[in-house]
Amino acid sequence: MDRKELRELIELDTYLSMASERDDLDVLEVLEETLLLLDEFAEKLKEVDVDLETWSIVDEPRELREEDEPERDPEHKEKMLKNAPKSEDGYVVAERAHWLK
């Protein structure tokens, strides 16, 4: 979307229109950054290896698993931190909303 389309969206959407009246928020900048993040996320999703054989369309009901303690992957945290753009001391470091004044 270009800036003109984003401005039209702001005018049409009640929530965005109200938000654009705030002095401490640049809605156009927020929308632009949101679209950029979504594009980056979509590109990252293309890299995900999906085993299509795990999906099926069946009319038969699936059996439910027994309720018990959830399985824990001891490497999950390491994998998550490896995929995070930035991490520190075992935590994901996220950027604060720089568009807020």
PDB file of N, CA and C in Angstrom:
ATOM      1  N   MET A   1       0.849  -1.192   0.000  1.00  0.00           N
ATOM      2  CA  MET A   1       0.000   0.000   0.000  1.00  0.00           C
ATOM      3  C   MET A   1       0.880   1.236   0.000  1.00  0.00           C
ATOM      4  N   ASP A   2       0.479   2.199  -0.764  1.00  0.00           N
ATOM      5  CA  ASP A   2       1.231   3.444  -0.744  1.00  0.00           C
ATOM      6  C   ASP A   2       0.610   4.390   0.288  1.00  0.00           C
ATOM      7  N   ARG A   3       1.257   5.536   0.490  1.00  0.00           N
ATOM      8  CA  ARG A   3       0.808   6.472   1.533  1.00  0.00           C
ATOM      9  C   ARG A   3      -0.618   6.976   1.273  1.00  0.00           C
ATOM     10  N   LYS A   4      -0.961   7.176   0.003  1.00  0.00           N
ATOM     11  CA  LYS A   4      -2.306   7.662  -0.326  1.00  0.00           C
ATOM     12  C   LYS A   4      -3.356   6.633   0.094  1.00  0.00           C
ATOM     13  N   GLU A   5      -3.104   5.347  -0.209  1.00  0.00           N
ATOM     14  CA  GLU A   5      -4.040   4.296   0.175  1.00  0.00           C
ATOM     15  C   GLU A   5      -4.140   4.181   1.699  1.00  0.00           C
ATOM     16  N   LEU A   6      -3.013   4.350   2.387  1.00  0.00           N
ATOM     17  CA  LEU A   6      -3.035   4.299   3.852  1.00  0.00           C
ATOM     18  C   LEU A   6      -3.845   5.453   4.420  1.00  0.00           C
ATOM     19  N   ARG A   7      -3.699   6.651   3.851  1.00  0.00           N
ATOM     20  CA  ARG A   7      -4.487   7.804   4.325  1.00  0.00           C
ATOM     21  C   ARG A   7      -5.980   7.548   4.130  1.00  0.00           C
ATOM     22  N   GLU A   8      -6.354   6.965   2.980  1.00  0.00           N
ATOM     23  CA  GLU A   8      -7.761   6.644   2.716  1.00  0.00           C
ATOM     24  C   GLU A   8      -8.269   5.626   3.735  1.00  0.00           C
ATOM     25  N   LEU A   9      -7.434   4.645   4.051  1.00  0.00           N
ATOM     26  CA  LEU A   9      -7.798   3.650   5.053  1.00  0.00           C
ATOM     27  C   LEU A   9      -8.041   4.312   6.412  1.00  0.00           C
ATOM     28  N   ILE A  10      -7.175   5.237   6.783  1.00  0.00           N
ATOM     29  CA  ILE A  10      -7.320   5.948   8.058  1.00  0.00           C
ATOM     30  C   ILE A  10      -8.641   6.703   8.094  1.00  0.00           C
ATOM     31  N   GLU A  11      -9.000   7.339   6.983  1.00  0.00           N
ATOM     32  CA  GLU A  11     -10.247   8.108   6.933  1.00  0.00           C
ATOM     33  C   GLU A  11     -11.473   7.202   7.003  1.00  0.00           C
ATOM     34  N   LEU A  12     -11.392   5.992   6.435  1.00  0.00           N
ATOM     35  CA  LEU A  12     -12.541   5.094   6.395  1.00  0.00           C
ATOM     36  C   LEU A  12     -12.739   4.321   7.694  1.00  0.00           C
ATOM     37  N   ASP A  13     -11.673   4.019   8.374  1.00  0.00           N
ATOM     38  CA  ASP A  13     -11.737   3.194   9.579  1.00  0.00           C
ATOM     39  C   ASP A  13     -11.969   4.072  10.804  1.00  0.00           C
ATOM     40  N   THR A  14     -13.025   3.793  11.546  1.00  0.00           N
ATOM     41  CA  THR A  14     -13.382   4.605  12.711  1.00  0.00           C
ATOM     42  C   THR A  14     -12.278   4.613  13.754  1.00  0.00           C
ATOM     43  N   TYR A  15     -11.748   3.435  14.079  1.00  0.00           N
ATOM     44  CA  TYR A  15     -10.702   3.347  15.103  1.00  0.00           C
ATOM     45  C   TYR A  15      -9.454   4.112  14.668  1.00  0.00           C
ATOM     46  N   LEU A  16      -9.023   3.888  13.428  1.00  0.00           N
ATOM     47  CA  LEU A  16      -7.825   4.577  12.931  1.00  0.00           C
ATOM     48  C   LEU A  16      -8.059   6.084  12.849  1.00  0.00           C
ATOM     49  N   SER A  17      -9.268   6.470  12.478  1.00  0.00           N
ATOM     50  CA  SER A  17      -9.602   7.882  12.400  1.00  0.00           C
ATOM     51  C   SER A  17      -9.505   8.537  13.776  1.00  0.00           C
ATOM     52  N   MET A  18     -10.019   7.858  14.803  1.00  0.00           N
ATOM     53  CA  MET A  18      -9.925   8.397  16.170  1.00  0.00           C
ATOM     54  C   MET A  18      -8.469   8.431  16.625  1.00  0.00           C
ATOM     55  N   ALA A  19      -7.723   7.380  16.302  1.00  0.00           N
ATOM     56  CA  ALA A  19      -6.322   7.321  16.715  1.00  0.00           C
ATOM     57  C   ALA A  19      -5.508   8.415  16.040  1.00  0.00           C
ATOM     58  N   SER A  20      -5.869   8.775  14.807  1.00  0.00           N
ATOM     59  CA  SER A  20      -5.104   9.791  14.083  1.00  0.00           C
ATOM     60  C   SER A  20      -5.272  11.179  14.705  1.00  0.00           C
ATOM     61  N   GLU A  21      -6.286  11.339  15.543  1.00  0.00           N
ATOM     62  CA  GLU A  21      -6.506  12.629  16.198  1.00  0.00           C
ATOM     63  C   GLU A  21      -5.627  12.818  17.427  1.00  0.00           C
ATOM     64  N   ARG A  22      -4.973  11.735  17.879  1.00  0.00           N
ATOM     65  CA  ARG A  22      -4.071  11.844  19.031  1.00  0.00           C
ATOM     66  C   ARG A  22      -2.820  12.611  18.643  1.00  0.00           C
ATOM     67  N   ASP A  23      -2.341  13.409  19.556  1.00  0.00           N
ATOM     68  CA  ASP A  23      -1.138  14.195  19.298  1.00  0.00           C
ATOM     69  C   ASP A  23       0.137  13.364  19.421  1.00  0.00           C
ATOM     70  N   ASP A  24       0.087  12.286  20.201  1.00  0.00           N
ATOM     71  CA  ASP A  24       1.290  11.510  20.481  1.00  0.00           C
ATOM     72  C   ASP A  24       1.455  10.292  19.574  1.00  0.00           C
ATOM     73  N   LEU A  25       0.652  10.187  18.499  1.00  0.00           N
ATOM     74  CA  LEU A  25       0.673   8.995  17.679  1.00  0.00           C
ATOM     75  C   LEU A  25       0.604   9.358  16.194  1.00  0.00           C
ATOM     76  N   ASP A  26       1.550   8.878  15.425  1.00  0.00           N
ATOM     77  CA  ASP A  26       1.539   9.069  13.981  1.00  0.00           C
ATOM     78  C   ASP A  26       0.998   7.784  13.359  1.00  0.00           C
ATOM     79  N   VAL A  27      -0.315   7.750  13.111  1.00  0.00           N
ATOM     80  CA  VAL A  27      -0.989   6.544  12.650  1.00  0.00           C
ATOM     81  C   VAL A  27      -0.427   6.084  11.308  1.00  0.00           C
ATOM     82  N   LEU A  28      -0.125   7.016  10.421  1.00  0.00           N
ATOM     83  CA  LEU A  28       0.427   6.654   9.115  1.00  0.00           C
ATOM     84  C   LEU A  28       1.745   5.906   9.279  1.00  0.00           C
ATOM     85  N   GLU A  29       2.589   6.392  10.171  1.00  0.00           N
ATOM     86  CA  GLU A  29       3.867   5.727  10.423  1.00  0.00           C
ATOM     87  C   GLU A  29       3.657   4.342  11.035  1.00  0.00           C
ATOM     88  N   VAL A  30       2.701   4.236  11.945  1.00  0.00           N
ATOM     89  CA  VAL A  30       2.395   2.943  12.570  1.00  0.00           C
ATOM     90  C   VAL A  30       1.918   1.954  11.513  1.00  0.00           C
ATOM     91  N   LEU A  31       1.027   2.393  10.633  1.00  0.00           N
ATOM     92  CA  LEU A  31       0.525   1.506   9.584  1.00  0.00           C
ATOM     93  C   LEU A  31       1.633   1.077   8.630  1.00  0.00           C
ATOM     94  N   GLU A  32       2.484   2.020   8.237  1.00  0.00           N
ATOM     95  CA  GLU A  32       3.588   1.685   7.344  1.00  0.00           C
ATOM     96  C   GLU A  32       4.503   0.638   7.981  1.00  0.00           C
ATOM     97  N   GLU A  33       4.823   0.843   9.256  1.00  0.00           N
ATOM     98  CA  GLU A  33       5.699  -0.096   9.942  1.00  0.00           C
ATOM     99  C   GLU A  33       5.013  -1.446  10.135  1.00  0.00           C
ATOM    100  N   THR A  34       3.718  -1.429  10.394  1.00  0.00           N
ATOM    101  CA  THR A  34       2.966  -2.675  10.540  1.00  0.00           C
ATOM    102  C   THR A  34       3.004  -3.476   9.249  1.00  0.00           C
ATOM    103  N   LEU A  35       2.783  -2.811   8.118  1.00  0.00           N
ATOM    104  CA  LEU A  35       2.821  -3.496   6.834  1.00  0.00           C
ATOM    105  C   LEU A  35       4.211  -4.043   6.543  1.00  0.00           C
ATOM    106  N   LEU A  36       5.230  -3.284   6.902  1.00  0.00           N
ATOM    107  CA  LEU A  36       6.606  -3.749   6.713  1.00  0.00           C
ATOM    108  C   LEU A  36       6.860  -5.009   7.551  1.00  0.00           C
ATOM    109  N   LEU A  37       6.425  -4.990   8.810  1.00  0.00           N
ATOM    110  CA  LEU A  37       6.595  -6.155   9.684  1.00  0.00           C
ATOM    111  C   LEU A  37       5.841  -7.369   9.150  1.00  0.00           C
ATOM    112  N   LEU A  38       4.624  -7.141   8.644  1.00  0.00           N
ATOM    113  CA  LEU A  38       3.855  -8.250   8.081  1.00  0.00           C
ATOM    114  C   LEU A  38       4.531  -8.832   6.848  1.00  0.00           C
ATOM    115  N   ASP A  39       5.094  -7.965   6.000  1.00  0.00           N
ATOM    116  CA  ASP A  39       5.829  -8.444   4.827  1.00  0.00           C
ATOM    117  C   ASP A  39       7.045  -9.258   5.242  1.00  0.00           C
ATOM    118  N   GLU A  40       7.789  -8.770   6.241  1.00  0.00           N
ATOM    119  CA  GLU A  40       8.960  -9.497   6.728  1.00  0.00           C
ATOM    120  C   GLU A  40       8.546 -10.842   7.321  1.00  0.00           C
ATOM    121  N   PHE A  41       7.437 -10.854   8.057  1.00  0.00           N
ATOM    122  CA  PHE A  41       6.944 -12.085   8.659  1.00  0.00           C
ATOM    123  C   PHE A  41       6.536 -13.079   7.573  1.00  0.00           C
ATOM    124  N   ALA A  42       5.859 -12.596   6.534  1.00  0.00           N
ATOM    125  CA  ALA A  42       5.439 -13.464   5.432  1.00  0.00           C
ATOM    126  C   ALA A  42       6.652 -14.076   4.741  1.00  0.00           C
ATOM    127  N   GLU A  43       7.717 -13.301   4.581  1.00  0.00           N
ATOM    128  CA  GLU A  43       8.940 -13.826   3.975  1.00  0.00           C
ATOM    129  C   GLU A  43       9.556 -14.911   4.854  1.00  0.00           C
ATOM    130  N   LYS A  44       9.566 -14.682   6.175  1.00  0.00           N
ATOM    131  CA  LYS A  44      10.106 -15.680   7.101  1.00  0.00           C
ATOM    132  C   LYS A  44       9.276 -16.964   7.061  1.00  0.00           C
ATOM    133  N   LEU A  45       7.953 -16.832   6.926  1.00  0.00           N
ATOM    134  CA  LEU A  45       7.097 -18.010   6.872  1.00  0.00           C
ATOM    135  C   LEU A  45       7.404 -18.885   5.663  1.00  0.00           C
ATOM    136  N   LYS A  46       7.873 -18.269   4.587  1.00  0.00           N
ATOM    137  CA  LYS A  46       8.228 -19.038   3.393  1.00  0.00           C
ATOM    138  C   LYS A  46       9.384 -19.993   3.673  1.00  0.00           C
ATOM    139  N   GLU A  47      10.188 -19.685   4.680  1.00  0.00           N
ATOM    140  CA  GLU A  47      11.341 -20.510   5.021  1.00  0.00           C
ATOM    141  C   GLU A  47      10.971 -21.686   5.926  1.00  0.00           C
ATOM    142  N   VAL A  48       9.757 -21.694   6.473  1.00  0.00           N
ATOM    143  CA  VAL A  48       9.345 -22.742   7.395  1.00  0.00           C
ATOM    144  C   VAL A  48       9.104 -24.030   6.621  1.00  0.00           C
ATOM    145  N   ASP A  49       9.716 -25.106   7.096  1.00  0.00           N
ATOM    146  CA  ASP A  49       9.554 -26.405   6.475  1.00  0.00           C
ATOM    147  C   ASP A  49       8.271 -27.038   7.004  1.00  0.00           C
ATOM    148  N   VAL A  50       7.331 -27.290   6.113  1.00  0.00           N
ATOM    149  CA  VAL A  50       6.044 -27.846   6.507  1.00  0.00           C
ATOM    150  C   VAL A  50       5.939 -29.267   5.966  1.00  0.00           C
ATOM    151  N   ASP A  51       5.667 -30.201   6.837  1.00  0.00           N
ATOM    152  CA  ASP A  51       5.458 -31.585   6.444  1.00  0.00           C
ATOM    153  C   ASP A  51       3.990 -31.735   6.063  1.00  0.00           C
ATOM    154  N   LEU A  52       3.710 -31.694   4.768  1.00  0.00           N
ATOM    155  CA  LEU A  52       2.328 -31.724   4.308  1.00  0.00           C
ATOM    156  C   LEU A  52       1.625 -33.046   4.606  1.00  0.00           C
ATOM    157  N   GLU A  53       2.374 -34.096   4.870  1.00  0.00           N
ATOM    158  CA  GLU A  53       1.768 -35.387   5.149  1.00  0.00           C
ATOM    159  C   GLU A  53       1.069 -35.416   6.506  1.00  0.00           C
ATOM    160  N   THR A  54       1.319 -34.448   7.351  1.00  0.00           N
ATOM    161  CA  THR A  54       0.667 -34.425   8.658  1.00  0.00           C
ATOM    162  C   THR A  54      -0.749 -33.871   8.567  1.00  0.00           C
ATOM    163  N   TRP A  55      -1.129 -33.292   7.446  1.00  0.00           N
ATOM    164  CA  TRP A  55      -2.445 -32.702   7.273  1.00  0.00           C
ATOM    165  C   TRP A  55      -3.308 -33.651   6.451  1.00  0.00           C
ATOM    166  N   SER A  56      -4.531 -33.778   6.830  1.00  0.00           N
ATOM    167  CA  SER A  56      -5.430 -34.624   6.056  1.00  0.00           C
ATOM    168  C   SER A  56      -6.846 -34.102   6.186  1.00  0.00           C
ATOM    169  N   ILE A  57      -7.633 -34.431   5.177  1.00  0.00           N
ATOM    170  CA  ILE A  57      -9.050 -34.071   5.214  1.00  0.00           C
ATOM    171  C   ILE A  57      -9.804 -35.388   5.302  1.00  0.00           C
ATOM    172  N   VAL A  58     -10.373 -35.638   6.464  1.00  0.00           N
ATOM    173  CA  VAL A  58     -11.037 -36.911   6.721  1.00  0.00           C
ATOM    174  C   VAL A  58     -12.392 -36.622   7.339  1.00  0.00           C
ATOM    175  N   ASP A  59     -13.387 -37.385   6.911  1.00  0.00           N
ATOM    176  CA  ASP A  59     -14.724 -37.223   7.475  1.00  0.00           C
ATOM    177  C   ASP A  59     -14.861 -37.906   8.829  1.00  0.00           C
ATOM    178  N   GLU A  60     -13.942 -38.824   9.122  1.00  0.00           N
ATOM    179  CA  GLU A  60     -14.017 -39.556  10.378  1.00  0.00           C
ATOM    180  C   GLU A  60     -13.545 -38.675  11.531  1.00  0.00           C
ATOM    181  N   PRO A  61     -14.190 -38.780  12.676  1.00  0.00           N
ATOM    182  CA  PRO A  61     -13.708 -37.981  13.825  1.00  0.00           C
ATOM    183  C   PRO A  61     -12.338 -38.467  14.284  1.00  0.00           C
ATOM    184  N   ARG A  62     -11.542 -37.552  14.720  1.00  0.00           N
ATOM    185  CA  ARG A  62     -10.207 -37.897  15.208  1.00  0.00           C
ATOM    186  C   ARG A  62     -10.292 -38.310  16.667  1.00  0.00           C
ATOM    187  N   GLU A  63      -9.425 -39.222  17.030  1.00  0.00           N
ATOM    188  CA  GLU A  63      -9.364 -39.615  18.425  1.00  0.00           C
ATOM    189  C   GLU A  63      -8.672 -38.517  19.214  1.00  0.00           C
ATOM    190  N   LEU A  64      -9.168 -38.273  20.405  1.00  0.00           N
ATOM    191  CA  LEU A  64      -8.566 -37.261  21.258  1.00  0.00           C
ATOM    192  C   LEU A  64      -7.443 -37.895  22.066  1.00  0.00           C
ATOM    193  N   ARG A  65      -6.425 -37.141  22.322  1.00  0.00           N
ATOM    194  CA  ARG A  65      -5.316 -37.655  23.113  1.00  0.00           C
ATOM    195  C   ARG A  65      -5.711 -37.695  24.583  1.00  0.00           C
ATOM    196  N   GLU A  66      -5.021 -38.510  25.313  1.00  0.00           N
ATOM    197  CA  GLU A  66      -5.245 -38.592  26.747  1.00  0.00           C
ATOM    198  C   GLU A  66      -4.768 -37.291  27.389  1.00  0.00           C
ATOM    199  N   GLU A  67      -5.503 -36.825  28.376  1.00  0.00           N
ATOM    200  CA  GLU A  67      -5.086 -35.621  29.089  1.00  0.00           C
ATOM    201  C   GLU A  67      -3.969 -35.984  30.057  1.00  0.00           C
ATOM    202  N   ASP A  68      -2.866 -35.317  29.937  1.00  0.00           N
ATOM    203  CA  ASP A  68      -1.748 -35.509  30.847  1.00  0.00           C
ATOM    204  C   ASP A  68      -0.854 -34.277  30.764  1.00  0.00           C
ATOM    205  N   GLU A  69       0.285 -34.377  31.359  1.00  0.00           N
ATOM    206  CA  GLU A  69       1.222 -33.259  31.317  1.00  0.00           C
ATOM    207  C   GLU A  69       1.650 -33.013  29.873  1.00  0.00           C
ATOM    208  N   PRO A  70       1.702 -31.750  29.450  1.00  0.00           N
ATOM    209  CA  PRO A  70       2.142 -31.467  28.079  1.00  0.00           C
ATOM    210  C   PRO A  70       3.615 -31.835  27.910  1.00  0.00           C
ATOM    211  N   GLU A  71       3.935 -32.251  26.693  1.00  0.00           N
ATOM    212  CA  GLU A  71       5.329 -32.570  26.407  1.00  0.00           C
ATOM    213  C   GLU A  71       6.116 -31.265  26.350  1.00  0.00           C
ATOM    214  N   ARG A  72       7.306 -31.313  26.892  1.00  0.00           N
ATOM    215  CA  ARG A  72       8.148 -30.121  26.882  1.00  0.00           C
ATOM    216  C   ARG A  72       9.397 -30.418  26.068  1.00  0.00           C
ATOM    217  N   ASP A  73       9.675 -29.538  25.125  1.00  0.00           N
ATOM    218  CA  ASP A  73      10.876 -29.662  24.301  1.00  0.00           C
ATOM    219  C   ASP A  73      11.974 -28.875  24.993  1.00  0.00           C
ATOM    220  N   PRO A  74      12.993 -29.539  25.518  1.00  0.00           N
ATOM    221  CA  PRO A  74      14.042 -28.822  26.242  1.00  0.00           C
ATOM    222  C   PRO A  74      14.815 -27.847  25.362  1.00  0.00           C
ATOM    223  N   GLU A  75      14.736 -28.032  24.043  1.00  0.00           N
ATOM    224  CA  GLU A  75      15.468 -27.150  23.133  1.00  0.00           C
ATOM    225  C   GLU A  75      14.588 -25.998  22.628  1.00  0.00           C
ATOM    226  N   HIS A  76      13.315 -25.946  23.066  1.00  0.00           N
ATOM    227  CA  HIS A  76      12.393 -24.930  22.557  1.00  0.00           C
ATOM    228  C   HIS A  76      12.914 -23.507  22.776  1.00  0.00           C
ATOM    229  N   LYS A  77      13.360 -23.230  23.994  1.00  0.00           N
ATOM    230  CA  LYS A  77      13.822 -21.872  24.305  1.00  0.00           C
ATOM    231  C   LYS A  77      15.013 -21.491  23.436  1.00  0.00           C
ATOM    232  N   GLU A  78      15.940 -22.417  23.251  1.00  0.00           N
ATOM    233  CA  GLU A  78      17.099 -22.135  22.410  1.00  0.00           C
ATOM    234  C   GLU A  78      16.675 -21.856  20.968  1.00  0.00           C
ATOM    235  N   LYS A  79      15.730 -22.656  20.462  1.00  0.00           N
ATOM    236  CA  LYS A  79      15.236 -22.459  19.095  1.00  0.00           C
ATOM    237  C   LYS A  79      14.567 -21.093  18.962  1.00  0.00           C
ATOM    238  N   MET A  80      13.749 -20.748  19.961  1.00  0.00           N
ATOM    239  CA  MET A  80      13.038 -19.477  19.917  1.00  0.00           C
ATOM    240  C   MET A  80      14.017 -18.308  19.937  1.00  0.00           C
ATOM    241  N   LEU A  81      14.998 -18.374  20.830  1.00  0.00           N
ATOM    242  CA  LEU A  81      15.974 -17.289  20.920  1.00  0.00           C
ATOM    243  C   LEU A  81      16.826 -17.213  19.662  1.00  0.00           C
ATOM    244  N   LYS A  82      17.088 -18.340  19.039  1.00  0.00           N
ATOM    245  CA  LYS A  82      17.858 -18.360  17.800  1.00  0.00           C
ATOM    246  C   LYS A  82      17.101 -17.640  16.684  1.00  0.00           C
ATOM    247  N   ASN A  83      15.757 -17.754  16.667  1.00  0.00           N
ATOM    248  CA  ASN A  83      14.938 -17.116  15.643  1.00  0.00           C
ATOM    249  C   ASN A  83      14.625 -15.658  15.944  1.00  0.00           C
ATOM    250  N   ALA A  84      14.846 -15.240  17.182  1.00  0.00           N
ATOM    251  CA  ALA A  84      14.563 -13.846  17.555  1.00  0.00           C
ATOM    252  C   ALA A  84      15.610 -12.926  16.932  1.00  0.00           C
ATOM    253  N   PRO A  85      15.176 -11.756  16.445  1.00  0.00           N
ATOM    254  CA  PRO A  85      16.147 -10.819  15.880  1.00  0.00           C
ATOM    255  C   PRO A  85      17.202 -10.387  16.896  1.00  0.00           C
ATOM    256  N   LYS A  86      16.794 -10.285  18.172  1.00  0.00           N
ATOM    257  CA  LYS A  86      17.733  -9.864  19.209  1.00  0.00           C
ATOM    258  C   LYS A  86      17.329 -10.509  20.530  1.00  0.00           C
ATOM    259  N   SER A  87      18.324 -11.024  21.251  1.00  0.00           N
ATOM    260  CA  SER A  87      18.039 -11.589  22.566  1.00  0.00           C
ATOM    261  C   SER A  87      19.173 -11.227  23.510  1.00  0.00           C
ATOM    262  N   GLU A  88      18.847 -11.267  24.799  1.00  0.00           N
ATOM    263  CA  GLU A  88      19.848 -10.909  25.808  1.00  0.00           C
ATOM    264  C   GLU A  88      19.522 -11.667  27.090  1.00  0.00           C
ATOM    265  N   ASP A  89      20.487 -12.332  27.648  1.00  0.00           N
ATOM    266  CA  ASP A  89      20.335 -13.062  28.911  1.00  0.00           C
ATOM    267  C   ASP A  89      19.167 -14.054  28.885  1.00  0.00           C
ATOM    268  N   GLY A  90      18.949 -14.696  27.748  1.00  0.00           N
ATOM    269  CA  GLY A  90      17.898 -15.693  27.648  1.00  0.00           C
ATOM    270  C   GLY A  90      16.509 -15.139  27.401  1.00  0.00           C
ATOM    271  N   TYR A  91      16.393 -13.856  27.075  1.00  0.00           N
ATOM    272  CA  TYR A  91      15.102 -13.226  26.803  1.00  0.00           C
ATOM    273  C   TYR A  91      15.129 -12.557  25.436  1.00  0.00           C
ATOM    274  N   VAL A  92      13.963 -12.504  24.779  1.00  0.00           N
ATOM    275  CA  VAL A  92      13.834 -11.798  23.513  1.00  0.00           C
ATOM    276  C   VAL A  92      13.797 -10.308  23.817  1.00  0.00           C
ATOM    277  N   VAL A  93      14.591  -9.538  23.085  1.00  0.00           N
ATOM    278  CA  VAL A  93      14.596  -8.082  23.238  1.00  0.00           C
ATOM    279  C   VAL A  93      13.776  -7.512  22.092  1.00  0.00           C
ATOM    280  N   ALA A  94      12.706  -6.768  22.440  1.00  0.00           N
ATOM    281  CA  ALA A  94      11.825  -6.184  21.447  1.00  0.00           C
ATOM    282  C   ALA A  94      11.969  -4.666  21.446  1.00  0.00           C
ATOM    283  N   GLU A  95      11.757  -4.093  20.289  1.00  0.00           N
ATOM    284  CA  GLU A  95      11.836  -2.643  20.153  1.00  0.00           C
ATOM    285  C   GLU A  95      10.577  -2.012  20.752  1.00  0.00           C
ATOM    286  N   ARG A  96      10.770  -0.940  21.448  1.00  0.00           N
ATOM    287  CA  ARG A  96       9.612  -0.218  21.969  1.00  0.00           C
ATOM    288  C   ARG A  96       8.981   0.573  20.833  1.00  0.00           C
ATOM    289  N   ALA A  97       7.736   0.961  21.018  1.00  0.00           N
ATOM    290  CA  ALA A  97       7.010   1.720  19.991  1.00  0.00           C
ATOM    291  C   ALA A  97       7.635   3.089  19.849  1.00  0.00           C
ATOM    292  N   HIS A  98       8.563   3.200  18.894  1.00  0.00           N
ATOM    293  CA  HIS A  98       9.286   4.470  18.752  1.00  0.00           C
ATOM    294  C   HIS A  98       8.396   5.594  18.211  1.00  0.00           C
ATOM    295  N   TRP A  99       7.214   5.246  17.684  1.00  0.00           N
ATOM    296  CA  TRP A  99       6.352   6.300  17.147  1.00  0.00           C
ATOM    297  C   TRP A  99       5.591   7.011  18.257  1.00  0.00           C
ATOM    298  N   LEU A 100       5.601   6.493  19.468  1.00  0.00           N
ATOM    299  CA  LEU A 100       4.974   7.191  20.580  1.00  0.00           C
ATOM    300  C   LEU A 100       5.946   8.221  21.121  1.00  0.00           C
ATOM    301  N   LYS A 101       5.448   9.386  21.415  1.00  0.00           N
ATOM    302  CA  LYS A 101       6.308  10.452  21.913  1.00  0.00           C
ATOM    303  C   LYS A 101       6.351  10.443  23.419  1.00  0.00           C
TER     304      LYS A 101
END
